[in-house]
Amino acid sequence: MVSLQGISLTILTDSIPKCRPWMASLGTIIVLFCISLVYITNGGQFIFTLVDYFGGTMIFLILCIIETTAVFWWYGLENFCEDVEFMLKRKVGMYWRICWAVVSPLVLLAIFLYFVLTMERLQYEERDFPNIALVCGWLLIAVGLLQIPLWWIYYIYHVRRIGIIEGLRRSVSSSKWGPANVNHLAQWVALKDEYRERKSVRQIHWFKQDYSSDDGGKRKKSTKDMFERSSKTKRTPDTKHEDEDRLGKIMEMKIDWEK
């Protein structure tokens, strides 16, 4: 419940900026408290076992596998590492790259396969759960997994005016992703351009990082220095009109190198 409350708090504060954190936190705590009252009833342990088995184990494994695959093999490990470098001002080491791209997906897949192959009828105190309880458990999994295709269909319906094909293309595109702040977005795009220029010259791939300097030395190139250089670019005062115009040009630049 604690992790669920944290996730709910983040979603509410991001979706409704005017909602204060303490209000969102209080609201989610009250709702989750009311839901959790079912666990202190006479059949509470029975329900908890059912929810933990179907909603706290299997569905988490499936969603983690989908999430890992989407982030590191669709959005791209290199893109993700560049975003981390932009935020933390430090390079992502080889250990994390290998773990995120190879080790984590394989371990999650192995755990899921073991879980499925060794699955037995759910029991509580050596008594089998009734069929109706198992049906409810599988429905719980279905509700969790259907969130992905349902929200995908909702997005395509929301942009139906541009056509189904274009909607499908936009739904799997990350060309409009990036920091919400215009200045941060400009710095982020500038760094992305510099990363790609360096990679095209030195033929760097996602396992091979660039630790050389522009003058050919062996000094490790600092992401923080690159960030500071991009932030020194002279810009006009941040009026609303100029921000919108600059944002449009930045997004055009981003879409160009995405292609």
Protein backbone atom coordinates (compact mmCIF):
# COMPACT_ATOMS: atom_id res chain seq x y z
CA MET A 1 0.00 0.00 0.00
CA VAL A 2 2.91 2.34 0.69
CA SER A 3 4.33 1.97 -2.83
CA LEU A 4 0.83 2.29 -4.31
CA GLN A 5 0.28 5.48 -2.35
CA GLY A 6 3.58 6.91 -3.64
CA ILE A 7 2.69 6.08 -7.24
CA SER A 8 -0.80 7.56 -6.86
CA LEU A 9 0.66 10.72 -5.33
CA THR A 10 3.04 11.18 -8.26
CA ILE A 11 0.31 10.63 -10.85
CA LEU A 12 -2.05 13.10 -9.17
CA THR A 13 0.52 15.86 -8.70
CA ASP A 14 1.77 15.49 -12.30
CA SER A 15 -1.70 15.35 -13.83
CA ILE A 16 -3.17 18.12 -11.65
CA PRO A 17 -0.43 20.71 -11.01
CA LYS A 18 -2.77 22.82 -8.87
CA CYS A 19 -3.26 19.92 -6.47
CA ARG A 20 -0.95 20.38 -3.51
CA PRO A 21 1.14 17.35 -2.47
CA TRP A 22 -0.36 17.20 1.02
CA MET A 23 -3.90 17.20 -0.40
CA ALA A 24 -3.09 14.42 -2.86
CA SER A 25 -1.31 12.45 -0.15
CA LEU A 26 -4.20 12.82 2.29
CA GLY A 27 -6.74 11.81 -0.34
CA THR A 28 -4.87 8.70 -1.44
CA ILE A 29 -4.22 7.64 2.16
CA ILE A 30 -7.93 7.90 3.03
CA VAL A 31 -8.98 5.92 -0.06
CA LEU A 32 -6.36 3.21 0.46
CA PHE A 33 -7.22 3.01 4.17
CA CYS A 34 -10.86 2.36 3.32
CA ILE A 35 -9.88 -0.32 0.80
CA SER A 36 -7.53 -2.03 3.26
CA LEU A 37 -10.28 -2.40 5.87
CA VAL A 38 -11.36 -5.54 4.04
CA TYR A 39 -8.15 -7.24 5.23
CA ILE A 40 -9.12 -7.03 8.90
CA THR A 41 -12.41 -8.87 8.42
CA ASN A 42 -12.85 -12.59 9.15
CA GLY A 43 -11.91 -13.47 5.58
CA GLY A 44 -9.23 -10.80 5.32
CA GLN A 45 -6.27 -13.18 5.24
CA PHE A 46 -8.02 -15.23 2.56
CA ILE A 47 -8.49 -12.14 0.38
CA PHE A 48 -4.95 -10.92 1.11
CA THR A 49 -3.47 -14.24 -0.05
CA LEU A 50 -5.50 -14.09 -3.25
CA VAL A 51 -4.55 -10.47 -4.03
CA ASP A 52 -0.90 -11.02 -3.15
CA TYR A 53 -0.64 -14.06 -5.41
CA PHE A 54 -2.37 -12.63 -8.47
CA GLY A 55 -1.97 -8.87 -8.02
CA GLY A 56 1.33 -8.68 -6.16
CA THR A 57 3.42 -11.31 -7.93
CA MET A 58 2.39 -12.37 -11.40
CA ILE A 59 1.14 -9.05 -12.68
CA PHE A 60 4.21 -7.23 -11.35
CA LEU A 61 6.51 -9.63 -13.17
CA ILE A 62 4.64 -9.22 -16.45
CA LEU A 63 4.48 -5.43 -16.21
CA CYS A 64 8.16 -5.19 -15.22
CA ILE A 65 9.15 -7.25 -18.27
CA ILE A 66 7.04 -5.01 -20.53
CA GLU A 67 8.40 -1.85 -18.89
CA THR A 68 12.03 -2.96 -19.13
CA THR A 69 11.62 -3.95 -22.77
CA ALA A 70 9.86 -0.69 -23.65
CA VAL A 71 12.38 1.59 -21.96
CA PHE A 72 15.66 -0.06 -22.93
CA TRP A 73 14.82 -1.72 -26.26
CA TRP A 74 12.15 0.60 -27.70
CA TYR A 75 13.04 4.06 -26.36
CA GLY A 76 16.63 2.88 -26.34
CA LEU A 77 19.28 2.25 -23.71
CA GLU A 78 21.48 5.00 -25.13
CA ASN A 79 18.65 7.56 -25.03
CA PHE A 80 17.86 6.59 -21.46
CA CYS A 81 21.51 6.85 -20.38
CA GLU A 82 21.82 10.25 -22.03
CA ASP A 83 18.75 11.44 -20.13
CA VAL A 84 20.27 10.18 -16.87
CA GLU A 85 23.53 11.97 -17.66
CA PHE A 86 21.61 15.17 -18.39
CA MET A 87 19.83 15.03 -15.03
CA LEU A 88 22.68 13.78 -12.83
CA LYS A 89 25.59 15.42 -14.69
CA ARG A 90 27.53 12.14 -14.67
CA LYS A 91 28.00 9.28 -17.09
CA VAL A 92 26.26 5.94 -16.67
CA GLY A 93 28.80 3.19 -16.04
CA MET A 94 29.14 -0.05 -17.97
CA TYR A 95 27.74 -2.04 -15.04
CA TRP A 96 24.37 -0.28 -15.20
CA ARG A 97 24.22 -0.49 -18.99
CA ILE A 98 24.74 -4.26 -18.98
CA CYS A 99 22.29 -4.77 -16.11
CA TRP A 100 19.55 -2.67 -17.69
CA ALA A 101 19.91 -4.02 -21.22
CA VAL A 102 20.72 -7.69 -20.64
CA VAL A 103 20.75 -8.94 -17.05
CA SER A 104 17.47 -7.45 -15.77
CA PRO A 105 15.27 -8.57 -18.73
CA LEU A 106 16.73 -12.09 -18.68
CA VAL A 107 16.40 -12.46 -14.90
CA LEU A 108 12.80 -11.19 -14.95
CA LEU A 109 11.95 -13.54 -17.81
CA ALA A 110 13.57 -16.50 -16.03
CA ILE A 111 11.66 -15.75 -12.81
CA PHE A 112 8.38 -15.46 -14.72
CA LEU A 113 8.93 -18.77 -16.56
CA TYR A 114 9.83 -20.52 -13.31
CA PHE A 115 6.73 -19.06 -11.67
CA VAL A 116 4.49 -20.30 -14.50
CA LEU A 117 6.08 -23.77 -14.75
CA THR A 118 5.83 -24.39 -11.00
CA MET A 119 2.35 -22.92 -10.63
CA GLU A 120 -0.07 -24.95 -8.54
CA ARG A 121 -3.63 -24.41 -7.42
CA LEU A 122 -3.68 -21.64 -4.84
CA GLN A 123 -4.22 -22.79 -1.25
CA TYR A 124 -4.71 -21.24 2.15
CA GLU A 125 -4.08 -23.35 5.25
CA GLU A 126 -4.01 -26.48 3.04
CA ARG A 127 -7.43 -25.71 1.60
CA ASP A 128 -7.91 -25.03 -2.11
CA PHE A 129 -9.35 -21.71 -3.16
CA PRO A 130 -12.78 -22.05 -4.82
CA ASN A 131 -13.07 -21.59 -8.55
CA ILE A 132 -14.88 -18.28 -8.18
CA ALA A 133 -11.93 -16.89 -6.21
CA LEU A 134 -9.48 -18.02 -8.89
CA VAL A 135 -11.65 -16.39 -11.56
CA CYS A 136 -11.52 -13.13 -9.59
CA GLY A 137 -7.72 -13.47 -9.40
CA TRP A 138 -7.36 -13.89 -13.15
CA LEU A 139 -9.73 -10.98 -13.70
CA LEU A 140 -7.44 -8.88 -11.48
CA ILE A 141 -4.51 -9.75 -13.74
CA ALA A 142 -6.57 -8.98 -16.84
CA VAL A 143 -7.57 -5.55 -15.52
CA GLY A 144 -3.91 -4.68 -14.85
CA LEU A 145 -2.62 -5.88 -18.21
CA LEU A 146 -5.47 -4.35 -20.22
CA GLN A 147 -4.38 -0.89 -19.07
CA ILE A 148 -1.67 -0.86 -21.74
CA PRO A 149 -3.79 -1.62 -24.83
CA LEU A 150 -6.82 0.30 -23.52
CA TRP A 151 -4.89 3.54 -23.02
CA TRP A 152 -3.18 2.98 -26.38
CA ILE A 153 -6.59 2.70 -28.06
CA TYR A 154 -7.77 5.77 -26.13
CA TYR A 155 -4.84 7.81 -27.45
CA ILE A 156 -5.48 6.73 -31.04
CA TYR A 157 -9.15 7.64 -30.62
CA HIS A 158 -8.18 10.98 -29.09
CA VAL A 159 -6.10 11.89 -32.19
CA ARG A 160 -8.46 10.21 -34.68
CA ARG A 161 -8.69 13.43 -36.75
CA ILE A 162 -5.18 12.92 -38.09
CA GLY A 163 -5.98 9.38 -39.26
CA ILE A 164 -5.39 5.93 -37.82
CA ILE A 165 -2.03 5.39 -39.51
CA GLU A 166 -0.63 8.73 -38.32
CA GLY A 167 -2.09 8.11 -34.87
CA LEU A 168 -0.36 4.74 -34.69
CA ARG A 169 2.91 6.32 -35.79
CA ARG A 170 2.68 9.05 -33.16
CA SER A 171 1.72 6.57 -30.45
CA VAL A 172 5.06 4.77 -30.82
CA SER A 173 7.14 7.90 -31.37
CA SER A 174 9.20 9.69 -28.72
CA SER A 175 9.92 12.76 -30.87
CA LYS A 176 7.91 15.06 -28.57
CA TRP A 177 9.44 13.79 -25.35
CA GLY A 178 11.76 15.95 -23.28
CA PRO A 179 11.86 18.39 -20.36
CA ALA A 180 8.77 20.56 -19.92
CA ASN A 181 10.84 23.67 -19.16
CA VAL A 182 11.80 25.46 -22.37
CA ASN A 183 15.34 26.34 -21.24
CA HIS A 184 15.99 22.82 -20.02
CA LEU A 185 14.60 21.46 -23.28
CA ALA A 186 16.98 23.66 -25.29
CA GLN A 187 19.96 22.42 -23.25
CA TRP A 188 18.74 18.84 -23.56
CA VAL A 189 18.42 19.04 -27.35
CA ALA A 190 21.85 20.72 -27.60
CA LEU A 191 23.42 17.89 -25.64
CA LYS A 192 21.63 15.30 -27.76
CA ASP A 193 23.04 16.92 -30.89
CA GLU A 194 26.54 16.94 -29.42
CA TYR A 195 26.25 13.29 -28.39
CA ARG A 196 25.22 12.25 -31.89
CA GLU A 197 27.96 14.31 -33.53
CA ARG A 198 30.60 12.68 -31.32
CA LYS A 199 29.18 9.20 -31.99
CA SER A 200 29.13 9.71 -35.75
CA VAL A 201 32.79 10.76 -35.69
CA ARG A 202 34.09 8.15 -33.22
CA GLN A 203 31.61 5.34 -34.08
CA ILE A 204 30.49 4.90 -30.50
CA HIS A 205 27.83 2.31 -29.70
CA TRP A 206 25.85 1.69 -26.53
CA PHE A 207 28.55 -0.56 -24.97
CA LYS A 208 31.41 1.73 -25.90
CA GLN A 209 31.51 5.06 -24.08
CA ASP A 210 33.49 8.11 -25.13
CA TYR A 211 36.13 8.98 -22.54
CA SER A 212 38.42 10.90 -24.85
CA SER A 213 38.68 14.68 -25.08
CA ASP A 214 38.44 16.80 -28.22
CA ASP A 215 42.22 17.34 -28.28
CA GLY A 216 42.93 13.61 -28.44
CA GLY A 217 43.92 13.21 -24.78
CA LYS A 218 42.85 10.48 -22.41
CA ARG A 219 40.87 12.73 -20.10
CA LYS A 220 37.28 11.65 -19.43
CA LYS A 221 34.89 14.13 -20.97
CA SER A 222 32.59 15.59 -18.34
CA THR A 223 28.87 15.73 -18.98
CA LYS A 224 28.68 18.58 -16.50
CA ASP A 225 31.07 20.65 -18.66
CA MET A 226 28.95 19.94 -21.72
CA PHE A 227 25.81 20.99 -19.86
CA GLU A 228 27.43 24.24 -18.71
CA ARG A 229 28.60 25.05 -22.24
CA SER A 230 25.14 24.58 -23.67
CA SER A 231 23.59 26.72 -20.93
CA LYS A 232 25.89 29.66 -21.79
CA THR A 233 24.18 30.15 -25.14
CA LYS A 234 22.84 33.71 -25.39
CA ARG A 235 19.06 33.82 -25.35
CA THR A 236 16.46 36.58 -25.50
CA PRO A 237 14.26 37.34 -22.46
CA ASP A 238 11.74 34.63 -21.71
CA THR A 239 8.50 36.14 -22.86
CA LYS A 240 5.57 33.87 -23.62
CA HIS A 241 5.72 34.48 -27.38
CA GLU A 242 9.48 33.90 -27.62
CA ASP A 243 9.23 30.76 -25.51
CA GLU A 244 6.59 29.29 -27.79
CA ASP A 245 8.57 30.20 -30.92
CA ARG A 246 11.80 28.78 -29.49
CA LEU A 247 10.01 25.64 -28.33
CA GLY A 248 8.65 25.06 -31.83
CA LYS A 249 12.12 25.40 -33.36
CA ILE A 250 13.62 23.11 -30.74
CA MET A 251 11.02 20.43 -31.39
CA GLU A 252 11.69 20.69 -35.13
CA MET A 253 15.40 20.15 -34.45
CA LYS A 254 14.59 17.17 -32.23
CA ILE A 255 12.29 15.58 -34.81
CA ASP A 256 14.98 16.03 -37.49
CA TRP A 257 17.63 14.06 -35.62
CA GLU A 258 15.04 11.51 -34.45
CA LYS A 259 14.51 10.68 -38.12
